[in-house]
Amino acid sequence: MNTVVGVFQDYATAQTVANDLRNIGFAADNVEVRGAAPAGESTVVEHHRRADDEGGIAGFFRRLFGSDSDRDETGYYEQAVQRGNAIVTVEADERRVDEAVRIMNRHGAIDIDRDRSSSAHREVRDAEHTPQQSIPVVEEELQVGKRAVQKGGVRIYNRVTDRPVEEQVTLREEHVDVERRPVNRPVSSGEAAELRDQTIEVTEFAEEPVVNKRARVVEEVSIDKQTTERTETIRDNVRRSDVKVEKVADPGASRAAGDWEADFRNDYQTRYSRSGMAYESYAPAYQYGYRAASDPRFKDKSWEDVESTLKTDYLRNNPNSTWDNVKGAVRYSWERITGKRSAA
């Protein structure tokens, strides 16, 4: 069995939680309520295991957590009850632990903000929490790539042009010369046969220039590309955001209680020195106001909001005191620590 423990602001809320747990099937003997009952009610402890109810509230927690439990652990719950809180405990098997926790969180269980790993019990945490806030640390990084860009080139043109040229050539010509020379001799027998009609034709020839053009390759222009590589160092500036953490001191908590002693005595001289009572009679009130100012329950609240609670708590721990006699000392200390009052 596991013991689920929930701390609540008042006794009435704790009773409601106990009733809800019984209504959903938790055995009445396994549900207990501890705390101060409201004014007018005589019952200050509600539970169903009367045989184990010896030893007061301290004995209850020793039985709950074990006799060898950490004193700080049990002491916290004792102080919670003494401050007016109420505590509900329920015995639940492993399957129903989460169900009990949901019931308690639904009714506003107080976050006790303690980390305990004991397997003998389970704590109830407040279901609501302050969302975590964060500031991102942003840093730029240099990313260098490359791209192809046109850097120029070579263009080759082929143009046909005319230019005058000349060549010399030797030409031959034939000419027929006809010569007549007188002769006087007898006709020979061979010549007698030539005495007939005949024609002799001699052809004249002459050379003339013939022009012909022949294309010849006299030069070649080649186009090629060569690729080279080079390493270039890129220099630039990148930005980074740096988050600095600076602790902001609480104007009151930054000084220990003893450091306020001079302030408290000064107020005593101004307010109570003629009352006939020594400073030591008011010192507990000043010290109580100092402690109350550091209580997170009262953060950002005014004196009017917290006076009733402080009165009840102070008189519970100081039953021989009269609130009207010490109210001023408590208020002075509380307002000085919280910064709501300047030095007297």
Protein backbone atom coordinates (compact mmCIF):
# COMPACT_ATOMS: atom_id res chain seq x y z
CA MET A 1 0.00 0.00 0.00
CA ASN A 2 1.07 3.60 -0.66
CA THR A 3 0.23 6.58 1.51
CA VAL A 4 -0.79 9.66 -0.46
CA VAL A 5 -0.39 12.88 1.53
CA GLY A 6 -2.01 16.21 0.59
CA VAL A 7 -1.60 19.57 2.35
CA PHE A 8 -4.53 22.01 2.08
CA GLN A 9 -4.99 25.61 3.08
CA ASP A 10 -7.87 25.03 5.48
CA TYR A 11 -9.68 22.28 7.34
CA ALA A 12 -12.94 22.61 5.38
CA THR A 13 -11.19 21.88 2.09
CA ALA A 14 -9.47 18.88 3.62
CA GLN A 15 -12.84 17.50 4.80
CA THR A 16 -14.25 17.90 1.28
CA VAL A 17 -11.29 16.00 -0.17
CA ALA A 18 -11.74 13.20 2.39
CA ASN A 19 -15.46 12.91 1.56
CA ASP A 20 -14.72 12.76 -2.19
CA LEU A 21 -12.16 10.01 -1.64
CA ARG A 22 -14.65 7.95 0.37
CA ASN A 23 -17.37 8.57 -2.23
CA ILE A 24 -15.27 7.07 -5.01
CA GLY A 25 -14.61 3.90 -3.05
CA PHE A 26 -11.64 4.47 -0.74
CA ALA A 27 -12.27 2.75 2.58
CA ALA A 28 -13.25 5.17 5.34
CA ASP A 29 -10.66 3.61 7.67
CA ASN A 30 -7.94 4.44 5.12
CA VAL A 31 -8.73 8.18 4.94
CA GLU A 32 -7.56 10.62 7.65
CA VAL A 33 -7.76 14.38 8.11
CA ARG A 34 -5.39 16.27 10.41
CA GLY A 35 -5.53 19.96 11.23
CA ALA A 36 -7.21 22.71 13.22
CA ALA A 37 -10.99 22.79 12.83
CA PRO A 38 -12.77 26.08 12.07
CA ALA A 39 -13.95 28.22 14.98
CA GLY A 40 -17.04 26.78 16.65
CA GLU A 41 -16.21 23.16 15.85
CA SER A 42 -14.85 20.94 18.56
CA THR A 43 -13.37 18.24 16.34
CA VAL A 44 -9.75 19.01 15.46
CA VAL A 45 -8.76 15.56 14.21
CA GLU A 46 -10.92 13.39 11.99
CA HIS A 47 -9.82 9.83 11.41
CA HIS A 48 -11.02 6.26 11.90
CA ARG A 49 -8.04 4.55 13.50
CA ARG A 50 -8.46 5.79 17.07
CA ALA A 51 -6.37 2.96 18.51
CA ASP A 52 -3.24 4.45 16.89
CA ASP A 53 -3.97 8.04 17.87
CA GLU A 54 -1.38 8.38 20.62
CA GLY A 55 1.51 10.80 20.50
CA GLY A 56 -0.27 13.87 19.10
CA ILE A 57 0.50 15.31 15.67
CA ALA A 58 4.19 14.42 15.96
CA GLY A 59 3.30 10.82 16.76
CA PHE A 60 0.96 10.75 13.77
CA PHE A 61 3.72 11.68 11.37
CA ARG A 62 6.19 9.29 12.96
CA ARG A 63 3.70 6.49 12.39
CA LEU A 64 3.08 7.78 8.85
CA PHE A 65 6.71 8.06 7.75
CA GLY A 66 8.32 5.64 10.19
CA SER A 67 10.17 6.22 13.44
CA ASP A 68 13.50 6.52 11.63
CA SER A 69 12.26 9.12 9.13
CA ASP A 70 14.09 12.41 8.51
CA ARG A 71 13.24 14.94 11.20
CA ASP A 72 13.08 17.73 8.61
CA GLU A 73 10.56 15.70 6.66
CA THR A 74 8.16 15.15 9.54
CA GLY A 75 8.83 18.60 10.97
CA TYR A 76 7.63 20.27 7.81
CA TYR A 77 4.22 18.68 8.08
CA GLU A 78 4.01 19.50 11.77
CA GLN A 79 4.70 23.15 11.00
CA ALA A 80 2.13 23.11 8.21
CA VAL A 81 -0.55 21.98 10.68
CA GLN A 82 0.59 24.54 13.24
CA ARG A 83 0.25 27.30 10.64
CA GLY A 84 -3.40 26.42 10.16
CA ASN A 85 -3.11 24.04 7.21
CA ALA A 86 -4.88 20.69 7.14
CA ILE A 87 -3.50 17.37 5.92
CA VAL A 88 -5.33 14.50 4.26
CA THR A 89 -3.79 11.04 4.03
CA VAL A 90 -5.20 8.05 2.20
CA GLU A 91 -3.95 4.49 1.91
CA ALA A 92 -4.13 3.40 -1.73
CA ASP A 93 -2.82 0.46 -3.68
CA GLU A 94 -0.58 1.14 -6.66
CA ARG A 95 -3.47 1.12 -9.13
CA ARG A 96 -5.41 3.88 -7.35
CA VAL A 97 -2.55 6.23 -6.34
CA ASP A 98 -2.98 8.48 -9.39
CA GLU A 99 -6.73 8.63 -8.80
CA ALA A 100 -6.19 9.90 -5.24
CA VAL A 101 -3.62 12.42 -6.47
CA ARG A 102 -6.07 13.83 -9.04
CA ILE A 103 -8.74 14.30 -6.38
CA MET A 104 -6.32 16.21 -4.14
CA ASN A 105 -4.91 18.38 -6.94
CA ARG A 106 -8.44 19.25 -8.04
CA HIS A 107 -9.06 20.76 -4.63
CA GLY A 108 -5.85 22.81 -4.65
CA ALA A 109 -3.28 20.73 -2.82
CA ILE A 110 -0.36 22.93 -1.76
CA ASP A 111 2.93 22.28 -3.52
CA ILE A 112 5.27 21.32 -0.67
CA ASP A 113 8.23 21.66 -3.07
CA ARG A 114 10.31 18.88 -1.51
CA ASP A 115 11.92 16.00 -3.41
CA ARG A 116 11.65 12.72 -1.51
CA SER A 117 12.29 9.33 -3.06
CA SER A 118 10.87 7.17 -0.29
CA SER A 119 8.76 4.32 -1.67
CA ALA A 120 6.59 4.18 1.48
CA HIS A 121 4.51 7.21 0.52
CA ARG A 122 3.67 9.53 -2.35
CA GLU A 123 3.53 13.36 -2.19
CA VAL A 124 0.80 15.37 -3.87
CA ARG A 125 2.08 18.23 -6.01
CA ASP A 126 0.06 21.26 -6.97
CA ALA A 127 -1.42 20.71 -10.41
CA GLU A 128 -0.78 24.31 -11.41
CA HIS A 129 2.72 25.68 -11.87
CA THR A 130 4.36 28.79 -13.20
CA PRO A 131 5.29 28.30 -16.85
CA GLN A 132 9.01 28.11 -17.36
CA GLN A 133 10.51 31.19 -18.97
CA SER A 134 13.63 31.16 -21.02
CA ILE A 135 15.79 33.44 -23.11
CA PRO A 136 17.34 31.74 -26.13
CA VAL A 137 21.05 32.18 -26.75
CA VAL A 138 21.30 32.89 -30.47
CA GLU A 139 24.57 32.50 -32.36
CA GLU A 140 25.14 33.03 -36.07
CA GLU A 141 27.38 30.62 -37.91
CA LEU A 142 29.22 31.34 -41.16
CA GLN A 143 28.17 29.07 -44.00
CA VAL A 144 30.35 29.37 -47.13
CA GLY A 145 29.14 27.84 -50.37
CA LYS A 146 29.97 28.48 -54.00
CA ARG A 147 28.13 29.18 -57.21
CA ALA A 148 29.18 29.49 -60.84
CA VAL A 149 29.24 33.04 -62.20
CA GLN A 150 30.14 34.18 -65.73
CA LYS A 151 33.55 35.80 -65.78
CA GLY A 152 33.91 36.52 -69.56
CA GLY A 153 35.05 34.26 -72.38
CA VAL A 154 36.39 34.11 -75.97
CA ARG A 155 34.33 34.46 -79.13
CA ILE A 156 35.82 33.45 -82.52
CA TYR A 157 34.45 34.90 -85.73
CA ASN A 158 35.05 33.53 -89.26
CA ARG A 159 34.78 36.24 -91.92
CA VAL A 160 35.46 35.90 -95.65
CA THR A 161 37.28 38.91 -97.14
CA ASP A 162 38.57 39.73 -100.63
CA ARG A 163 42.13 40.88 -101.25
CA PRO A 164 43.82 41.56 -104.59
CA VAL A 165 46.56 39.16 -105.68
CA GLU A 166 48.66 38.90 -108.86
CA GLU A 167 50.68 36.19 -110.47
CA GLN A 168 52.92 36.22 -113.58
CA VAL A 169 52.53 33.52 -116.26
CA THR A 170 54.52 32.99 -119.52
CA LEU A 171 52.29 32.47 -122.55
CA ARG A 172 53.39 31.20 -125.93
CA GLU A 173 51.88 32.07 -129.32
CA GLU A 174 52.43 30.43 -132.70
CA HIS A 175 52.58 32.48 -135.90
CA VAL A 176 52.76 31.06 -139.51
CA ASP A 177 55.19 32.79 -141.74
CA VAL A 178 54.68 32.41 -145.51
CA GLU A 179 57.74 33.16 -147.50
CA ARG A 180 57.92 33.21 -151.32
CA ARG A 181 61.37 33.01 -152.89
CA PRO A 182 61.98 32.83 -156.56
CA VAL A 183 63.75 29.72 -157.94
CA ASN A 184 64.57 28.57 -161.48
CA ARG A 185 65.30 24.88 -161.79
CA PRO A 186 63.78 21.95 -163.56
CA VAL A 187 60.91 20.02 -161.98
CA SER A 188 61.98 16.91 -160.43
CA SER A 189 60.11 13.68 -160.80
CA GLY A 190 58.81 13.99 -157.34
CA GLU A 191 57.67 17.46 -157.81
CA ALA A 192 55.92 16.50 -161.02
CA ALA A 193 53.57 14.42 -158.93
CA GLU A 194 52.73 17.43 -156.93
CA LEU A 195 51.34 19.06 -159.96
CA ARG A 196 47.81 18.77 -158.78
CA ASP A 197 45.32 20.63 -156.69
CA GLN A 198 46.29 20.46 -153.03
CA THR A 199 45.86 22.39 -149.87
CA ILE A 200 48.32 22.73 -147.01
CA GLU A 201 46.87 24.08 -143.76
CA VAL A 202 49.06 25.10 -140.88
CA THR A 203 47.35 25.88 -137.56
CA GLU A 204 48.60 28.57 -135.24
CA PHE A 205 48.33 28.05 -131.48
CA ALA A 206 48.63 30.55 -128.65
CA GLU A 207 48.54 30.12 -124.88
CA GLU A 208 46.18 32.13 -122.77
CA PRO A 209 45.93 32.32 -118.95
CA VAL A 210 43.45 30.08 -117.21
CA VAL A 211 42.44 31.23 -113.70
CA ASN A 212 41.28 28.67 -111.15
CA LYS A 213 40.81 29.02 -107.36
CA ARG A 214 41.43 26.23 -104.92
CA ALA A 215 40.73 26.51 -101.20
CA ARG A 216 43.49 25.31 -98.96
CA VAL A 217 43.65 25.08 -95.13
CA VAL A 218 46.49 27.30 -94.10
CA GLU A 219 45.83 27.63 -90.31
CA GLU A 220 43.69 26.13 -87.56
CA VAL A 221 42.31 28.02 -84.56
CA SER A 222 41.48 25.67 -81.66
CA ILE A 223 39.25 26.49 -78.66
CA ASP A 224 39.79 24.71 -75.37
CA LYS A 225 39.15 25.41 -71.62
CA GLN A 226 41.45 24.82 -68.70
CA THR A 227 40.07 24.55 -65.13
CA THR A 228 42.17 25.65 -62.20
CA GLU A 229 41.38 25.70 -58.46
CA ARG A 230 42.31 28.22 -55.81
CA THR A 231 41.66 28.53 -52.10
CA GLU A 232 40.16 31.78 -50.91
CA THR A 233 39.78 32.78 -47.25
CA ILE A 234 36.38 34.29 -46.47
CA ARG A 235 36.33 36.78 -43.60
CA ASP A 236 33.11 38.12 -42.12
CA ASN A 237 31.47 38.93 -38.79
CA VAL A 238 28.86 36.73 -37.11
CA ARG A 239 26.69 37.76 -34.18
CA ARG A 240 25.91 35.95 -30.95
CA SER A 241 23.60 36.91 -28.13
CA ASP A 242 25.02 36.43 -24.64
CA VAL A 243 22.57 36.01 -21.77
CA LYS A 244 23.92 37.25 -18.46
CA VAL A 245 22.27 36.09 -15.27
CA GLU A 246 22.16 38.65 -12.51
CA LYS A 247 20.56 37.82 -9.21
CA VAL A 248 18.08 40.42 -8.03
CA ALA A 249 18.20 40.57 -4.30
CA ASP A 250 15.06 40.66 -2.20
CA PRO A 251 15.22 44.03 -0.43
CA GLY A 252 14.32 42.30 2.82
CA ALA A 253 15.68 38.81 2.48
CA SER A 254 19.12 40.11 1.52
CA ARG A 255 19.62 40.93 5.19
CA ALA A 256 19.47 38.38 7.95
CA ALA A 257 17.11 38.86 10.85
CA GLY A 258 19.96 40.04 13.06
CA ASP A 259 20.81 42.77 10.54
CA TRP A 260 17.40 44.33 11.13
CA GLU A 261 17.84 44.48 14.89
CA ALA A 262 18.78 48.17 14.86
CA ASP A 263 15.66 48.99 12.81
CA PHE A 264 13.44 47.02 15.18
CA ARG A 265 14.92 48.66 18.29
CA ASN A 266 14.55 52.10 16.72
CA ASP A 267 10.86 51.44 16.08
CA TYR A 268 10.49 50.14 19.61
CA GLN A 269 11.99 53.39 21.00
CA THR A 270 9.59 55.44 18.90
CA ARG A 271 6.46 53.39 19.53
CA TYR A 272 6.71 51.38 22.75
CA SER A 273 9.49 52.73 24.97
CA ARG A 274 6.92 54.53 27.17
CA SER A 275 4.75 51.43 27.55
CA GLY A 276 6.80 50.15 30.48
CA MET A 277 7.60 46.90 28.64
CA ALA A 278 11.15 46.00 27.62
CA TYR A 279 12.20 45.49 24.00
CA GLU A 280 12.45 41.75 24.66
CA SER A 281 8.66 41.66 25.07
CA TYR A 282 8.22 42.88 21.50
CA ALA A 283 11.17 41.07 19.91
CA PRO A 284 9.10 37.94 19.06
CA ALA A 285 6.61 40.14 17.17
CA TYR A 286 9.36 41.80 15.14
CA GLN A 287 10.93 38.42 14.41
CA TYR A 288 7.57 36.96 13.37
CA GLY A 289 6.95 39.83 10.95
CA TYR A 290 10.40 39.19 9.45
CA ARG A 291 9.61 35.50 8.86
CA ALA A 292 6.13 36.18 7.51
CA ALA A 293 7.53 38.63 4.95
CA SER A 294 9.52 35.76 3.40
CA ASP A 295 6.50 33.41 3.23
CA PRO A 296 5.58 32.90 -0.48
CA ARG A 297 1.90 32.75 0.46
CA PHE A 298 1.95 36.47 1.21
CA LYS A 299 4.04 37.60 -1.75
CA ASP A 300 2.75 40.78 -3.47
CA LYS A 301 -0.10 41.16 -0.95
CA SER A 302 -0.97 44.16 1.19
CA TRP A 303 -1.08 44.24 4.99
CA GLU A 304 -4.88 44.30 4.89
CA ASP A 305 -4.85 41.07 2.87
CA VAL A 306 -2.61 39.16 5.26
CA GLU A 307 -3.42 40.60 8.73
CA SER A 308 -6.13 38.09 9.59
CA THR A 309 -3.96 35.10 8.73
CA LEU A 310 -0.93 36.53 10.54
CA LYS A 311 -3.00 37.24 13.63
CA THR A 312 -4.31 33.68 13.79
CA ASP A 313 -0.89 32.18 13.24
CA TYR A 314 0.89 34.44 15.73
CA LEU A 315 -1.60 33.90 18.52
CA ARG A 316 -1.54 30.14 17.97
CA ASN A 317 2.20 30.15 18.65
CA ASN A 318 2.08 32.90 21.29
CA PRO A 319 -1.13 32.21 23.23
CA ASN A 320 -0.21 34.61 26.06
CA SER A 321 0.06 37.60 23.74
CA THR A 322 -2.60 40.16 22.82
CA TRP A 323 -2.74 41.01 19.14
CA ASP A 324 -3.53 44.68 19.70
CA ASN A 325 -0.35 45.02 21.76
CA VAL A 326 1.99 43.47 19.18
CA LYS A 327 0.18 44.23 15.92
CA GLY A 328 2.17 47.39 15.31
CA ALA A 329 5.51 45.62 15.78
CA VAL A 330 4.51 42.77 13.46
CA ARG A 331 3.25 45.19 10.83
CA TYR A 332 6.35 47.39 11.01
CA SER A 333 8.68 44.40 10.56
CA TRP A 334 6.56 42.87 7.76
CA GLU A 335 6.32 46.14 5.81
CA ARG A 336 10.02 46.97 6.25
CA ILE A 337 11.14 43.58 4.94
CA THR A 338 8.73 43.66 1.99
CA GLY A 339 9.75 47.23 1.15
CA LYS A 340 6.29 48.67 1.76
CA ARG A 341 7.53 51.00 4.51
CA SER A 342 10.58 53.26 4.65
CA ALA A 343 12.86 53.53 7.70
CA ALA A 344 11.32 55.35 10.66
